[in-house]
N, C-alpha and C. Protein backbone atom coordinates (compact mmCIF):
# COMPACT_ATOMS: atom_id res chain seq x y z
N MET A 1 34.73 1.00 -79.00
CA MET A 1 35.95 0.26 -78.76
C MET A 1 36.92 1.04 -77.87
N LYS A 2 36.78 2.37 -77.87
CA LYS A 2 37.71 3.18 -77.10
C LYS A 2 37.66 2.86 -75.60
N GLY A 3 36.48 2.68 -75.03
CA GLY A 3 36.32 2.46 -73.60
C GLY A 3 36.65 1.05 -73.13
N LEU A 4 36.84 0.12 -74.03
CA LEU A 4 37.10 -1.27 -73.64
C LEU A 4 38.46 -1.47 -72.98
N HIS A 5 39.41 -0.58 -73.22
CA HIS A 5 40.73 -0.76 -72.59
C HIS A 5 40.65 -0.55 -71.07
N CYS A 6 39.59 0.08 -70.59
CA CYS A 6 39.41 0.30 -69.15
C CYS A 6 38.71 -0.87 -68.46
N LEU A 7 38.11 -1.74 -69.24
CA LEU A 7 37.33 -2.84 -68.69
C LEU A 7 38.13 -3.73 -67.72
N PRO A 8 39.37 -4.15 -68.05
CA PRO A 8 40.12 -4.97 -67.09
C PRO A 8 40.38 -4.24 -65.77
N LEU A 9 40.65 -2.95 -65.82
CA LEU A 9 40.89 -2.17 -64.61
C LEU A 9 39.63 -2.11 -63.75
N ILE A 10 38.51 -1.90 -64.36
CA ILE A 10 37.23 -1.84 -63.64
C ILE A 10 36.93 -3.20 -63.02
N ALA A 11 37.17 -4.26 -63.74
CA ALA A 11 36.93 -5.61 -63.22
C ALA A 11 37.83 -5.89 -62.01
N GLN A 12 39.08 -5.47 -62.09
CA GLN A 12 40.00 -5.67 -60.97
C GLN A 12 39.54 -4.91 -59.73
N CYS A 13 39.03 -3.72 -59.93
CA CYS A 13 38.53 -2.93 -58.80
C CYS A 13 37.39 -3.65 -58.08
N PHE A 14 36.48 -4.22 -58.84
CA PHE A 14 35.36 -4.95 -58.23
C PHE A 14 35.86 -6.18 -57.48
N VAL A 15 36.78 -6.91 -58.06
CA VAL A 15 37.30 -8.12 -57.42
C VAL A 15 38.04 -7.77 -56.14
N LEU A 16 38.93 -6.78 -56.20
CA LEU A 16 39.72 -6.42 -55.02
C LEU A 16 38.86 -5.82 -53.92
N SER A 17 37.90 -5.02 -54.26
CA SER A 17 37.06 -4.42 -53.22
C SER A 17 36.23 -5.50 -52.53
N GLY A 18 35.83 -6.51 -53.22
CA GLY A 18 35.09 -7.61 -52.61
C GLY A 18 35.96 -8.42 -51.66
N CYS A 19 37.22 -8.58 -51.99
CA CYS A 19 38.13 -9.35 -51.15
C CYS A 19 38.45 -8.63 -49.84
N PHE A 20 38.58 -7.33 -49.90
CA PHE A 20 38.98 -6.60 -48.71
C PHE A 20 37.81 -6.18 -47.84
N SER A 21 36.62 -6.26 -48.32
CA SER A 21 35.49 -5.79 -47.52
C SER A 21 34.71 -6.92 -46.86
N CYS A 22 35.09 -8.14 -47.08
CA CYS A 22 34.33 -9.25 -46.53
C CYS A 22 34.86 -9.65 -45.16
N LEU A 23 34.29 -9.10 -44.12
CA LEU A 23 34.64 -9.45 -42.75
C LEU A 23 33.42 -10.04 -42.06
N SER A 24 32.83 -11.01 -42.68
CA SER A 24 31.65 -11.65 -42.11
C SER A 24 31.96 -13.12 -41.84
N SER A 25 31.09 -13.77 -41.10
CA SER A 25 31.29 -15.19 -40.81
C SER A 25 31.21 -16.02 -42.09
N TRP A 26 30.51 -15.51 -43.08
CA TRP A 26 30.39 -16.23 -44.35
C TRP A 26 31.75 -16.32 -45.03
N CYS A 27 32.53 -15.26 -44.99
CA CYS A 27 33.84 -15.25 -45.64
C CYS A 27 34.94 -15.84 -44.76
N LEU A 28 34.91 -15.52 -43.48
CA LEU A 28 36.00 -15.90 -42.59
C LEU A 28 35.80 -17.24 -41.90
N GLY A 29 34.58 -17.70 -41.84
CA GLY A 29 34.25 -18.87 -41.04
C GLY A 29 33.79 -18.40 -39.68
N GLU A 30 32.87 -19.11 -39.08
CA GLU A 30 32.25 -18.68 -37.83
C GLU A 30 33.25 -18.53 -36.69
N GLU A 31 34.17 -19.50 -36.54
CA GLU A 31 35.12 -19.46 -35.43
C GLU A 31 36.04 -18.23 -35.52
N THR A 32 36.61 -17.99 -36.68
CA THR A 32 37.50 -16.83 -36.86
C THR A 32 36.74 -15.54 -36.68
N TYR A 33 35.54 -15.48 -37.22
CA TYR A 33 34.71 -14.28 -37.09
C TYR A 33 34.42 -13.97 -35.62
N GLN A 34 34.07 -14.97 -34.83
CA GLN A 34 33.78 -14.77 -33.41
C GLN A 34 35.03 -14.36 -32.64
N GLN A 35 36.19 -14.91 -33.00
CA GLN A 35 37.45 -14.54 -32.35
C GLN A 35 37.79 -13.08 -32.61
N LEU A 36 37.51 -12.60 -33.80
CA LEU A 36 37.77 -11.19 -34.11
C LEU A 36 36.78 -10.27 -33.41
N ARG A 37 35.55 -10.69 -33.30
CA ARG A 37 34.52 -9.86 -32.64
C ARG A 37 34.66 -9.85 -31.14
N HIS A 38 35.13 -10.96 -30.55
CA HIS A 38 35.22 -11.09 -29.09
C HIS A 38 36.60 -11.60 -28.71
N PRO A 39 37.63 -10.76 -28.81
CA PRO A 39 38.98 -11.23 -28.49
C PRO A 39 39.13 -11.56 -27.00
N LYS A 40 40.06 -12.46 -26.71
CA LYS A 40 40.35 -12.82 -25.32
C LYS A 40 41.06 -11.67 -24.62
N GLY A 41 40.90 -11.61 -23.31
CA GLY A 41 41.72 -10.71 -22.51
C GLY A 41 43.13 -11.29 -22.44
N LEU A 42 44.12 -10.46 -22.20
CA LEU A 42 45.50 -10.92 -22.17
C LEU A 42 45.71 -12.10 -21.22
N GLY A 43 45.10 -12.05 -20.07
CA GLY A 43 45.27 -13.12 -19.10
C GLY A 43 44.71 -14.46 -19.54
N GLU A 44 43.76 -14.43 -20.46
CA GLU A 44 43.13 -15.68 -20.90
C GLU A 44 44.03 -16.52 -21.81
N TYR A 45 45.22 -16.02 -22.12
CA TYR A 45 46.17 -16.81 -22.90
C TYR A 45 47.05 -17.68 -22.01
N TRP A 46 46.82 -17.59 -20.70
CA TRP A 46 47.55 -18.44 -19.76
C TRP A 46 46.73 -19.70 -19.51
N GLU A 47 47.36 -20.86 -19.63
CA GLU A 47 46.67 -22.13 -19.45
C GLU A 47 47.48 -23.05 -18.55
N LYS A 48 46.76 -23.95 -17.90
CA LYS A 48 47.42 -25.04 -17.18
C LYS A 48 46.44 -26.20 -17.12
N PRO A 49 46.96 -27.42 -17.10
CA PRO A 49 46.08 -28.58 -17.07
C PRO A 49 45.16 -28.56 -15.85
N GLY A 50 43.91 -28.87 -16.07
CA GLY A 50 42.93 -28.97 -15.00
C GLY A 50 42.35 -27.65 -14.52
N MET A 51 42.76 -26.56 -15.12
CA MET A 51 42.23 -25.27 -14.67
C MET A 51 40.78 -25.10 -15.11
N THR A 52 40.07 -24.30 -14.36
CA THR A 52 38.72 -23.88 -14.77
C THR A 52 38.77 -22.37 -14.94
N LYS A 53 37.73 -21.82 -15.50
CA LYS A 53 37.69 -20.36 -15.67
C LYS A 53 37.75 -19.67 -14.30
N ASP A 54 37.08 -20.24 -13.33
CA ASP A 54 37.08 -19.64 -11.99
C ASP A 54 38.45 -19.74 -11.32
N SER A 55 39.10 -20.89 -11.44
CA SER A 55 40.42 -21.04 -10.81
C SER A 55 41.44 -20.14 -11.51
N TRP A 56 41.33 -20.05 -12.84
CA TRP A 56 42.21 -19.14 -13.58
C TRP A 56 42.02 -17.71 -13.10
N ARG A 57 40.76 -17.27 -12.96
CA ARG A 57 40.48 -15.89 -12.57
C ARG A 57 41.06 -15.58 -11.19
N VAL A 58 40.91 -16.51 -10.24
CA VAL A 58 41.47 -16.33 -8.89
C VAL A 58 42.98 -16.17 -8.98
N ASP A 59 43.64 -17.06 -9.72
CA ASP A 59 45.10 -17.00 -9.86
C ASP A 59 45.53 -15.71 -10.56
N TRP A 60 44.83 -15.34 -11.61
CA TRP A 60 45.17 -14.13 -12.38
C TRP A 60 45.09 -12.89 -11.49
N VAL A 61 44.03 -12.77 -10.72
CA VAL A 61 43.86 -11.61 -9.84
C VAL A 61 44.91 -11.63 -8.72
N GLU A 62 45.20 -12.81 -8.18
CA GLU A 62 46.25 -12.91 -7.15
C GLU A 62 47.61 -12.48 -7.70
N CYS A 63 47.82 -12.68 -8.99
CA CYS A 63 49.10 -12.30 -9.61
C CYS A 63 49.13 -10.83 -10.03
N GLY A 64 48.03 -10.12 -9.84
CA GLY A 64 48.03 -8.69 -10.14
C GLY A 64 47.18 -8.28 -11.33
N GLY A 65 46.48 -9.23 -11.94
CA GLY A 65 45.63 -8.91 -13.09
C GLY A 65 44.24 -8.47 -12.65
N ARG A 66 43.46 -8.04 -13.61
CA ARG A 66 42.07 -7.66 -13.36
C ARG A 66 41.16 -8.86 -13.67
N PRO A 67 39.99 -8.91 -13.05
CA PRO A 67 39.08 -10.04 -13.30
C PRO A 67 38.68 -10.22 -14.76
N ASN A 68 38.75 -9.17 -15.57
CA ASN A 68 38.35 -9.28 -16.98
C ASN A 68 39.46 -9.83 -17.87
N GLY A 69 40.63 -10.15 -17.29
CA GLY A 69 41.73 -10.70 -18.08
C GLY A 69 42.78 -9.68 -18.45
N GLY A 70 42.55 -8.43 -18.15
CA GLY A 70 43.53 -7.39 -18.44
C GLY A 70 44.38 -7.09 -17.22
N TYR A 71 45.21 -6.08 -17.33
CA TYR A 71 45.97 -5.60 -16.18
C TYR A 71 46.28 -4.12 -16.40
N SER A 72 46.59 -3.44 -15.33
CA SER A 72 46.93 -2.03 -15.43
C SER A 72 47.94 -1.69 -14.35
N THR A 73 48.43 -0.47 -14.42
CA THR A 73 49.40 -0.01 -13.42
C THR A 73 48.79 1.16 -12.65
N ASP A 74 49.47 1.53 -11.60
CA ASP A 74 49.01 2.66 -10.79
C ASP A 74 49.89 3.88 -11.03
N THR A 75 50.16 4.19 -12.29
CA THR A 75 51.00 5.34 -12.59
C THR A 75 50.22 6.63 -12.35
N PRO A 76 50.89 7.65 -11.83
CA PRO A 76 50.22 8.95 -11.62
C PRO A 76 49.72 9.53 -12.94
N GLN A 77 48.73 10.42 -12.87
CA GLN A 77 48.09 10.96 -14.06
C GLN A 77 49.04 11.65 -15.03
N ARG A 78 49.96 12.42 -14.57
CA ARG A 78 50.84 13.18 -15.47
C ARG A 78 52.16 12.45 -15.76
N SER A 79 52.13 11.14 -15.78
CA SER A 79 53.33 10.36 -16.05
C SER A 79 53.72 10.49 -17.52
N THR A 80 55.00 10.39 -17.79
CA THR A 80 55.48 10.43 -19.17
C THR A 80 55.24 9.08 -19.83
N HIS A 81 55.35 9.07 -21.14
CA HIS A 81 55.19 7.82 -21.89
C HIS A 81 56.21 6.79 -21.42
N GLU A 82 57.44 7.23 -21.17
CA GLU A 82 58.49 6.33 -20.72
C GLU A 82 58.16 5.73 -19.36
N GLN A 83 57.62 6.54 -18.44
CA GLN A 83 57.26 6.04 -17.12
C GLN A 83 56.13 5.01 -17.21
N ILE A 84 55.14 5.32 -18.00
CA ILE A 84 54.01 4.40 -18.17
C ILE A 84 54.50 3.08 -18.79
N SER A 85 55.32 3.19 -19.82
CA SER A 85 55.84 2.01 -20.49
C SER A 85 56.67 1.16 -19.53
N GLU A 86 57.49 1.82 -18.71
CA GLU A 86 58.31 1.11 -17.73
C GLU A 86 57.44 0.39 -16.70
N GLU A 87 56.39 1.06 -16.24
CA GLU A 87 55.49 0.45 -15.24
C GLU A 87 54.74 -0.76 -15.83
N PHE A 88 54.28 -0.64 -17.08
CA PHE A 88 53.59 -1.76 -17.72
C PHE A 88 54.55 -2.94 -17.91
N SER A 89 55.78 -2.65 -18.27
CA SER A 89 56.78 -3.70 -18.45
C SER A 89 57.05 -4.41 -17.12
N LYS A 90 57.19 -3.63 -16.06
CA LYS A 90 57.43 -4.18 -14.72
C LYS A 90 56.25 -5.05 -14.27
N LYS A 91 55.02 -4.53 -14.47
CA LYS A 91 53.82 -5.27 -14.07
C LYS A 91 53.69 -6.57 -14.86
N SER A 92 53.95 -6.48 -16.16
CA SER A 92 53.87 -7.66 -17.02
C SER A 92 54.85 -8.74 -16.56
N LYS A 93 56.06 -8.33 -16.21
CA LYS A 93 57.08 -9.27 -15.74
C LYS A 93 56.64 -9.92 -14.42
N GLU A 94 56.09 -9.12 -13.51
CA GLU A 94 55.61 -9.65 -12.23
C GLU A 94 54.51 -10.69 -12.45
N ILE A 95 53.57 -10.37 -13.33
CA ILE A 95 52.47 -11.30 -13.62
C ILE A 95 53.02 -12.57 -14.26
N TRP A 96 53.96 -12.42 -15.21
CA TRP A 96 54.56 -13.57 -15.90
C TRP A 96 55.20 -14.52 -14.89
N ILE A 97 56.00 -13.98 -13.98
CA ILE A 97 56.67 -14.80 -12.97
C ILE A 97 55.65 -15.50 -12.08
N CYS A 98 54.67 -14.76 -11.62
CA CYS A 98 53.65 -15.32 -10.72
C CYS A 98 52.85 -16.44 -11.39
N MET A 99 52.37 -16.20 -12.62
CA MET A 99 51.57 -17.21 -13.31
C MET A 99 52.41 -18.46 -13.61
N THR A 100 53.67 -18.26 -13.97
CA THR A 100 54.56 -19.40 -14.23
C THR A 100 54.78 -20.20 -12.96
N GLU A 101 54.97 -19.52 -11.84
CA GLU A 101 55.15 -20.22 -10.56
C GLU A 101 53.90 -21.00 -10.16
N LYS A 102 52.73 -20.57 -10.61
CA LYS A 102 51.48 -21.28 -10.31
C LYS A 102 51.24 -22.44 -11.28
N GLY A 103 52.17 -22.66 -12.22
CA GLY A 103 52.06 -23.79 -13.13
C GLY A 103 51.43 -23.49 -14.48
N TYR A 104 51.20 -22.23 -14.78
CA TYR A 104 50.60 -21.85 -16.06
C TYR A 104 51.68 -21.71 -17.13
N HIS A 105 51.26 -21.85 -18.38
CA HIS A 105 52.14 -21.54 -19.51
C HIS A 105 51.36 -20.62 -20.44
N TYR A 106 52.08 -19.74 -21.10
CA TYR A 106 51.47 -18.75 -21.98
C TYR A 106 51.33 -19.35 -23.37
N THR A 107 50.16 -19.20 -23.94
CA THR A 107 49.90 -19.72 -25.28
C THR A 107 49.36 -18.60 -26.15
N THR A 108 49.65 -18.66 -27.42
CA THR A 108 49.13 -17.64 -28.33
C THR A 108 47.98 -18.18 -29.16
N LYS A 109 47.42 -19.31 -28.76
CA LYS A 109 46.24 -19.85 -29.47
C LYS A 109 45.08 -18.90 -29.32
N PHE A 110 44.28 -18.77 -30.36
CA PHE A 110 43.08 -17.95 -30.29
C PHE A 110 42.00 -18.76 -29.72
């Protein structure tokens, strides 16, 4: 009888560990699981009616992005964190203005 007072604690450990370790399509659903495994590039959150993947890619690159949906800056190697952050902010703003002018809107849909 002495060890029975630990039984609820042990049961809780099993239940909680099962909840936090299930990152499979069985637990999350196939769509959510695939979104976590293969996230979109930042540029792929820009949409406009009638666009295709190819037309989006052309517009994204023309606005300063990379073909894979990301973007980067040309900061020198020994730049400070503040300089890098400032350059990324500037580049992001330039891309935002350009994509908006091309008729795109930013969406946070997965």
